[in-house]
Amino acid sequence: NIDMAAQLKAFAVGANQFKSPAVDLGWQFGFDGDRLTLQPSRDGTVKFAQASLGPVKLNKATTLTLKKNDASRFVYPLRADDEEPIEGAFVLGGLATDVALPGLAQPVKVTAPGGNFTFTSTPSTLFDYTLDAKNATIALAQPQADAQNLQISLKSTGGKIDVALKSPAIHGAGAAPAALDAKANLTGSKLSLNSKLSLATAQASLTANVSYD
């Protein structure tokens, strides 16, 4: 068993940067061939003051809770002469943060009761990751709107970020509740968005295709 506590001024993996990251983690470790394997021995935390994940910015001090779970693991290859990836899969606890996106004047407030996070990284490739969360809430201050019971899927591959959002309960500007099904892509500073907003009471829907550079 290993307990780990660390505080840095900054940390970067490729284009992903973290300000004042701090970790408090407990691990059980072993070996699988020439790979070091770590699994949480207890619930732990990863904190940072701000973060930039490509064009996506987390402007609020954020705490990620890594849950002790059979699905949580970290795998590190001990050989440095091949492309065997560093891998991780973690079950997350509750999350609350502010997310700034290109083209939006104000950040989006995101809260989620939990989720799943996985990543891979090799010496010659970018840090690729996926995040899936259910029953989340996002809120915009201007224009005032919120989405509840939200399913979030975030995937980054080769520096390109794909986001999928699905919610049966969108509220805003005094309008009747609506359902949302949206997909967005972020490549560098270019944003594309395809969305469908369904209004059950009006038996109507609104679709949008948006691009921003």
C-alpha atoms as a PDB file:
ATOM      1  CA  ASN A   1       0.000   0.000   0.000  1.00  0.00           C
ATOM      2  CA  ILE A   2       1.196   3.502  -0.874  1.00  0.00           C
ATOM      3  CA  ASP A   3      -0.216   6.844   0.283  1.00  0.00           C
ATOM      4  CA  MET A   4       0.567   9.809  -1.959  1.00  0.00           C
ATOM      5  CA  ALA A   5       0.198  13.530  -1.257  1.00  0.00           C
ATOM      6  CA  ALA A   6       1.640  16.185  -3.569  1.00  0.00           C
ATOM      7  CA  GLN A   7       1.213  19.860  -4.468  1.00  0.00           C
ATOM      8  CA  LEU A   8       2.619  21.537  -7.600  1.00  0.00           C
ATOM      9  CA  LYS A   9       2.501  25.075  -8.964  1.00  0.00           C
ATOM     10  CA  ALA A  10       1.583  23.794 -12.427  1.00  0.00           C
ATOM     11  CA  PHE A  11       1.432  20.596 -14.467  1.00  0.00           C
ATOM     12  CA  ALA A  12       1.090  20.038 -18.223  1.00  0.00           C
ATOM     13  CA  VAL A  13       0.430  17.048 -20.472  1.00  0.00           C
ATOM     14  CA  GLY A  14       0.678  18.224 -24.078  1.00  0.00           C
ATOM     15  CA  ALA A  15      -1.833  21.056 -24.542  1.00  0.00           C
ATOM     16  CA  ASN A  16      -3.584  20.196 -21.275  1.00  0.00           C
ATOM     17  CA  GLN A  17      -2.470  22.446 -18.417  1.00  0.00           C
ATOM     18  CA  PHE A  18      -3.379  22.451 -14.718  1.00  0.00           C
ATOM     19  CA  LYS A  19      -2.751  25.284 -12.245  1.00  0.00           C
ATOM     20  CA  SER A  20      -1.898  24.433  -8.608  1.00  0.00           C
ATOM     21  CA  PRO A  21      -2.734  20.737  -8.841  1.00  0.00           C
ATOM     22  CA  ALA A  22      -2.792  18.721  -5.608  1.00  0.00           C
ATOM     23  CA  VAL A  23      -3.323  14.998  -5.086  1.00  0.00           C
ATOM     24  CA  ASP A  24      -4.219  12.940  -2.016  1.00  0.00           C
ATOM     25  CA  LEU A  25      -4.434   9.297  -3.080  1.00  0.00           C
ATOM     26  CA  GLY A  26      -4.042   5.839  -1.618  1.00  0.00           C
ATOM     27  CA  TRP A  27      -2.926   2.934  -3.810  1.00  0.00           C
ATOM     28  CA  GLN A  28      -2.565  -0.814  -3.726  1.00  0.00           C
ATOM     29  CA  PHE A  29       0.146  -1.788  -6.185  1.00  0.00           C
ATOM     30  CA  GLY A  30       1.299  -4.918  -7.970  1.00  0.00           C
ATOM     31  CA  PHE A  31       2.737  -6.110 -11.273  1.00  0.00           C
ATOM     32  CA  ASP A  32       1.219  -7.598 -14.424  1.00  0.00           C
ATOM     33  CA  GLY A  33       4.200  -8.818 -16.444  1.00  0.00           C
ATOM     34  CA  ASP A  34       6.272  -5.695 -17.094  1.00  0.00           C
ATOM     35  CA  ARG A  35       3.425  -3.335 -16.160  1.00  0.00           C
ATOM     36  CA  LEU A  36       2.997  -1.619 -12.803  1.00  0.00           C
ATOM     37  CA  THR A  37      -0.665  -1.710 -11.720  1.00  0.00           C
ATOM     38  CA  LEU A  38      -2.267   0.569  -9.151  1.00  0.00           C
ATOM     39  CA  GLN A  39      -5.778   0.426  -7.697  1.00  0.00           C
ATOM     40  CA  PRO A  40      -7.242   2.863  -5.138  1.00  0.00           C
ATOM     41  CA  SER A  41      -7.039   1.588  -1.558  1.00  0.00           C
ATOM     42  CA  ARG A  42      -9.435   4.369  -0.456  1.00  0.00           C
ATOM     43  CA  ASP A  43     -11.320   7.325  -1.878  1.00  0.00           C
ATOM     44  CA  GLY A  44      -8.840   9.999  -2.964  1.00  0.00           C
ATOM     45  CA  THR A  45      -8.894  13.504  -4.432  1.00  0.00           C
ATOM     46  CA  VAL A  46      -7.278  15.446  -7.255  1.00  0.00           C
ATOM     47  CA  LYS A  47      -7.658  19.227  -6.970  1.00  0.00           C
ATOM     48  CA  PHE A  48      -6.627  22.136  -9.183  1.00  0.00           C
ATOM     49  CA  ALA A  49      -7.270  25.877  -9.229  1.00  0.00           C
ATOM     50  CA  GLN A  50      -7.806  26.089 -13.010  1.00  0.00           C
ATOM     51  CA  ALA A  51      -7.332  23.833 -16.021  1.00  0.00           C
ATOM     52  CA  SER A  52      -7.117  24.094 -19.809  1.00  0.00           C
ATOM     53  CA  LEU A  53      -8.063  21.028 -21.853  1.00  0.00           C
ATOM     54  CA  GLY A  54      -7.305  22.275 -25.337  1.00  0.00           C
ATOM     55  CA  PRO A  55      -9.842  25.075 -26.019  1.00  0.00           C
ATOM     56  CA  VAL A  56     -11.974  24.041 -23.008  1.00  0.00           C
ATOM     57  CA  LYS A  57     -11.148  25.892 -19.781  1.00  0.00           C
ATOM     58  CA  LEU A  58     -12.185  25.067 -16.216  1.00  0.00           C
ATOM     59  CA  ASN A  59     -12.168  28.454 -14.479  1.00  0.00           C
ATOM     60  CA  LYS A  60     -13.239  27.365 -10.997  1.00  0.00           C
ATOM     61  CA  ALA A  61     -11.274  25.527  -8.321  1.00  0.00           C
ATOM     62  CA  THR A  62     -12.286  21.925  -8.920  1.00  0.00           C
ATOM     63  CA  THR A  63     -12.039  18.723  -6.888  1.00  0.00           C
ATOM     64  CA  LEU A  64     -12.232  15.297  -8.494  1.00  0.00           C
ATOM     65  CA  THR A  65     -12.931  12.400  -6.146  1.00  0.00           C
ATOM     66  CA  LEU A  66     -11.488   9.073  -7.301  1.00  0.00           C
ATOM     67  CA  LYS A  67     -13.625   6.354  -5.760  1.00  0.00           C
ATOM     68  CA  LYS A  68     -12.317   3.059  -4.470  1.00  0.00           C
ATOM     69  CA  ASN A  69     -13.936   0.711  -6.971  1.00  0.00           C
ATOM     70  CA  ASP A  70     -13.060  -2.524  -8.773  1.00  0.00           C
ATOM     71  CA  ALA A  71     -13.253  -0.610 -12.077  1.00  0.00           C
ATOM     72  CA  SER A  72     -10.691   2.018 -10.966  1.00  0.00           C
ATOM     73  CA  ARG A  73      -7.078   1.343 -11.980  1.00  0.00           C
ATOM     74  CA  PHE A  74      -3.865   2.915 -13.268  1.00  0.00           C
ATOM     75  CA  VAL A  75      -1.426   0.946 -15.443  1.00  0.00           C
ATOM     76  CA  TYR A  76       2.141   2.096 -16.142  1.00  0.00           C
ATOM     77  CA  PRO A  77       4.464   0.157 -18.503  1.00  0.00           C
ATOM     78  CA  LEU A  78       7.967  -0.247 -17.090  1.00  0.00           C
ATOM     79  CA  ARG A  79       9.545  -0.635 -20.535  1.00  0.00           C
ATOM     80  CA  ALA A  80      10.399   2.676 -22.233  1.00  0.00           C
ATOM     81  CA  ASP A  81      11.374   1.279 -25.645  1.00  0.00           C
ATOM     82  CA  ASP A  82       7.909   0.700 -27.137  1.00  0.00           C
ATOM     83  CA  GLU A  83       4.500   2.312 -27.567  1.00  0.00           C
ATOM     84  CA  GLU A  84       2.696   0.453 -24.792  1.00  0.00           C
ATOM     85  CA  PRO A  85       0.360   3.080 -23.326  1.00  0.00           C
ATOM     86  CA  ILE A  86      -0.058   4.475 -19.851  1.00  0.00           C
ATOM     87  CA  GLU A  87      -3.708   3.788 -19.056  1.00  0.00           C
ATOM     88  CA  GLY A  88      -6.187   4.788 -16.408  1.00  0.00           C
ATOM     89  CA  ALA A  89      -9.861   4.201 -15.612  1.00  0.00           C
ATOM     90  CA  PHE A  90     -11.537   5.831 -12.625  1.00  0.00           C
ATOM     91  CA  VAL A  91     -14.979   6.011 -11.060  1.00  0.00           C
ATOM     92  CA  LEU A  92     -15.546   9.641 -10.025  1.00  0.00           C
ATOM     93  CA  GLY A  93     -17.505  11.121  -7.152  1.00  0.00           C
ATOM     94  CA  GLY A  94     -19.546  14.331  -7.285  1.00  0.00           C
ATOM     95  CA  LEU A  95     -18.233  17.200  -9.432  1.00  0.00           C
ATOM     96  CA  ALA A  96     -18.932  20.932  -9.590  1.00  0.00           C
ATOM     97  CA  THR A  97     -17.024  23.304 -11.887  1.00  0.00           C
ATOM     98  CA  ASP A  98     -17.308  26.216 -14.354  1.00  0.00           C
ATOM     99  CA  VAL A  99     -16.515  25.426 -18.004  1.00  0.00           C
ATOM    100  CA  ALA A 100     -15.586  28.175 -20.476  1.00  0.00           C
ATOM    101  CA  LEU A 101     -16.145  27.349 -24.159  1.00  0.00           C
ATOM    102  CA  PRO A 102     -15.152  29.278 -27.299  1.00  0.00           C
ATOM    103  CA  GLY A 103     -17.927  31.611 -28.445  1.00  0.00           C
ATOM    104  CA  LEU A 104     -19.662  31.863 -25.049  1.00  0.00           C
ATOM    105  CA  ALA A 105     -19.301  35.117 -23.109  1.00  0.00           C
ATOM    106  CA  GLN A 106     -19.871  33.458 -19.742  1.00  0.00           C
ATOM    107  CA  PRO A 107     -18.866  30.040 -18.387  1.00  0.00           C
ATOM    108  CA  VAL A 108     -21.272  27.142 -18.064  1.00  0.00           C
ATOM    109  CA  LYS A 109     -21.822  25.829 -14.533  1.00  0.00           C
ATOM    110  CA  VAL A 110     -21.638  22.032 -14.445  1.00  0.00           C
ATOM    111  CA  THR A 111     -22.570  19.745 -11.554  1.00  0.00           C
ATOM    112  CA  ALA A 112     -22.702  15.948 -11.635  1.00  0.00           C
ATOM    113  CA  PRO A 113     -23.229  13.304  -8.918  1.00  0.00           C
ATOM    114  CA  GLY A 114     -20.520  11.096 -10.428  1.00  0.00           C
ATOM    115  CA  GLY A 115     -19.104   9.654 -13.615  1.00  0.00           C
ATOM    116  CA  ASN A 116     -16.435   7.538 -15.276  1.00  0.00           C
ATOM    117  CA  PHE A 117     -13.104   8.815 -16.609  1.00  0.00           C
ATOM    118  CA  THR A 118     -10.600   6.870 -18.747  1.00  0.00           C
ATOM    119  CA  PHE A 119      -7.395   7.925 -20.497  1.00  0.00           C
ATOM    120  CA  THR A 120      -4.473   6.601 -22.516  1.00  0.00           C
ATOM    121  CA  SER A 121      -1.121   8.195 -23.334  1.00  0.00           C
ATOM    122  CA  THR A 122       1.932   7.001 -25.298  1.00  0.00           C
ATOM    123  CA  PRO A 123       5.297   8.683 -25.990  1.00  0.00           C
ATOM    124  CA  SER A 124       4.227   9.649 -29.529  1.00  0.00           C
ATOM    125  CA  THR A 125       0.529  10.462 -29.093  1.00  0.00           C
ATOM    126  CA  LEU A 126      -1.499  13.084 -27.303  1.00  0.00           C
ATOM    127  CA  PHE A 127      -3.312  12.535 -24.021  1.00  0.00           C
ATOM    128  CA  ASP A 128      -6.622  10.933 -25.080  1.00  0.00           C
ATOM    129  CA  TYR A 129      -9.502  10.686 -22.626  1.00  0.00           C
ATOM    130  CA  THR A 130     -13.225  10.039 -22.215  1.00  0.00           C
ATOM    131  CA  LEU A 131     -15.657  11.252 -19.550  1.00  0.00           C
ATOM    132  CA  ASP A 132     -19.193   9.950 -19.134  1.00  0.00           C
ATOM    133  CA  ALA A 133     -21.663  11.284 -16.577  1.00  0.00           C
ATOM    134  CA  LYS A 134     -25.393  10.910 -15.954  1.00  0.00           C
ATOM    135  CA  ASN A 135     -27.965  12.960 -14.038  1.00  0.00           C
ATOM    136  CA  ALA A 136     -25.817  16.078 -14.397  1.00  0.00           C
ATOM    137  CA  THR A 137     -26.978  19.713 -14.491  1.00  0.00           C
ATOM    138  CA  ILE A 138     -25.608  22.574 -16.572  1.00  0.00           C
ATOM    139  CA  ALA A 139     -26.676  26.192 -16.196  1.00  0.00           C
ATOM    140  CA  LEU A 140     -26.133  29.372 -18.198  1.00  0.00           C
ATOM    141  CA  ALA A 141     -26.476  32.790 -16.577  1.00  0.00           C
ATOM    142  CA  GLN A 142     -26.887  34.743 -19.836  1.00  0.00           C
ATOM    143  CA  PRO A 143     -29.122  33.791 -21.522  1.00  0.00           C
ATOM    144  CA  GLN A 144     -30.639  32.184 -18.425  1.00  0.00           C
ATOM    145  CA  ALA A 145     -31.141  28.491 -19.059  1.00  0.00           C
ATOM    146  CA  ASP A 146     -30.470  25.126 -17.476  1.00  0.00           C
ATOM    147  CA  ALA A 147     -30.506  21.456 -18.412  1.00  0.00           C
ATOM    148  CA  GLN A 148     -31.349  18.769 -15.863  1.00  0.00           C
ATOM    149  CA  ASN A 149     -31.076  14.956 -15.848  1.00  0.00           C
ATOM    150  CA  LEU A 150     -28.313  15.447 -18.370  1.00  0.00           C
ATOM    151  CA  GLN A 151     -26.207  12.732 -19.955  1.00  0.00           C
ATOM    152  CA  ILE A 152     -22.717  14.001 -20.824  1.00  0.00           C
ATOM    153  CA  SER A 153     -20.185  12.273 -23.039  1.00  0.00           C
ATOM    154  CA  LEU A 154     -16.801  13.964 -23.531  1.00  0.00           C
ATOM    155  CA  LYS A 155     -14.144  12.363 -25.719  1.00  0.00           C
ATOM    156  CA  SER A 156     -10.746  13.692 -26.783  1.00  0.00           C
ATOM    157  CA  THR A 157      -8.746  11.886 -29.466  1.00  0.00           C
ATOM    158  CA  GLY A 158      -5.643  13.361 -31.093  1.00  0.00           C
ATOM    159  CA  GLY A 159      -6.435  16.815 -29.694  1.00  0.00           C
ATOM    160  CA  LYS A 160      -9.979  16.808 -31.133  1.00  0.00           C
ATOM    161  CA  ILE A 161     -12.787  17.006 -28.568  1.00  0.00           C
ATOM    162  CA  ASP A 162     -16.275  15.587 -29.132  1.00  0.00           C
ATOM    163  CA  VAL A 163     -19.107  16.380 -26.741  1.00  0.00           C
ATOM    164  CA  ALA A 164     -22.591  14.837 -26.648  1.00  0.00           C
ATOM    165  CA  LEU A 165     -25.363  16.212 -24.430  1.00  0.00           C
ATOM    166  CA  LYS A 166     -28.819  14.723 -23.957  1.00  0.00           C
ATOM    167  CA  SER A 167     -31.465  16.006 -21.556  1.00  0.00           C
ATOM    168  CA  PRO A 168     -35.255  15.562 -21.275  1.00  0.00           C
ATOM    169  CA  ALA A 169     -35.629  18.762 -19.220  1.00  0.00           C
ATOM    170  CA  ILE A 170     -34.363  22.076 -20.635  1.00  0.00           C
ATOM    171  CA  HIS A 171     -35.675  25.299 -19.079  1.00  0.00           C
ATOM    172  CA  GLY A 172     -35.019  28.888 -20.092  1.00  0.00           C
ATOM    173  CA  ALA A 173     -36.499  32.361 -20.609  1.00  0.00           C
ATOM    174  CA  GLY A 174     -39.875  31.296 -19.229  1.00  0.00           C
ATOM    175  CA  ALA A 175     -40.458  28.883 -22.110  1.00  0.00           C
ATOM    176  CA  ALA A 176     -42.045  25.471 -21.723  1.00  0.00           C
ATOM    177  CA  PRO A 177     -39.654  22.629 -20.857  1.00  0.00           C
ATOM    178  CA  ALA A 178     -37.967  21.011 -23.826  1.00  0.00           C
ATOM    179  CA  ALA A 179     -35.750  18.037 -24.624  1.00  0.00           C
ATOM    180  CA  LEU A 180     -32.214  18.489 -25.971  1.00  0.00           C
ATOM    181  CA  ASP A 181     -30.036  16.249 -28.123  1.00  0.00           C
ATOM    182  CA  ALA A 182     -26.790  17.993 -29.055  1.00  0.00           C
ATOM    183  CA  LYS A 183     -23.345  17.114 -30.376  1.00  0.00           C
ATOM    184  CA  ALA A 184     -20.354  19.451 -30.541  1.00  0.00           C
ATOM    185  CA  ASN A 185     -16.836  19.180 -31.919  1.00  0.00           C
ATOM    186  CA  LEU A 186     -13.840  21.288 -30.897  1.00  0.00           C
ATOM    187  CA  THR A 187     -10.761  21.193 -33.121  1.00  0.00           C
ATOM    188  CA  GLY A 188      -8.214  23.819 -32.124  1.00  0.00           C
ATOM    189  CA  SER A 189     -10.220  27.057 -31.900  1.00  0.00           C
ATOM    190  CA  LYS A 190     -12.945  25.807 -34.269  1.00  0.00           C
ATOM    191  CA  LEU A 191     -16.286  24.817 -32.790  1.00  0.00           C
ATOM    192  CA  SER A 192     -19.132  23.067 -34.612  1.00  0.00           C
ATOM    193  CA  LEU A 193     -22.470  22.280 -33.006  1.00  0.00           C
ATOM    194  CA  ASN A 194     -25.511  20.296 -34.131  1.00  0.00           C
ATOM    195  CA  SER A 195     -28.534  20.315 -31.857  1.00  0.00           C
ATOM    196  CA  LYS A 196     -32.228  19.496 -31.731  1.00  0.00           C
ATOM    197  CA  LEU A 197     -34.590  21.057 -29.196  1.00  0.00           C
ATOM    198  CA  SER A 198     -37.977  19.317 -28.959  1.00  0.00           C
ATOM    199  CA  LEU A 199     -41.026  21.099 -27.473  1.00  0.00           C
ATOM    200  CA  ALA A 200     -43.587  18.445 -26.534  1.00  0.00           C
ATOM    201  CA  THR A 201     -46.365  20.911 -25.628  1.00  0.00           C
ATOM    202  CA  ALA A 202     -46.071  22.647 -29.007  1.00  0.00           C
ATOM    203  CA  GLN A 203     -45.415  19.425 -30.944  1.00  0.00           C
ATOM    204  CA  ALA A 204     -42.512  21.218 -32.587  1.00  0.00           C
ATOM    205  CA  SER A 205     -38.736  21.043 -32.719  1.00  0.00           C
ATOM    206  CA  LEU A 206     -35.893  23.425 -33.455  1.00  0.00           C
ATOM    207  CA  THR A 207     -32.674  22.256 -35.065  1.00  0.00           C
ATOM    208  CA  ALA A 208     -29.447  24.239 -35.257  1.00  0.00           C
ATOM    209  CA  ASN A 209     -26.110  23.856 -37.010  1.00  0.00           C
ATOM    210  CA  VAL A 210     -23.505  26.297 -35.726  1.00  0.00           C
ATOM    211  CA  SER A 211     -19.821  26.874 -36.437  1.00  0.00           C
ATOM    212  CA  TYR A 212     -17.411  29.249 -34.713  1.00  0.00           C
ATOM    213  CA  ASP A 213     -13.752  30.030 -35.330  1.00  0.00           C
END
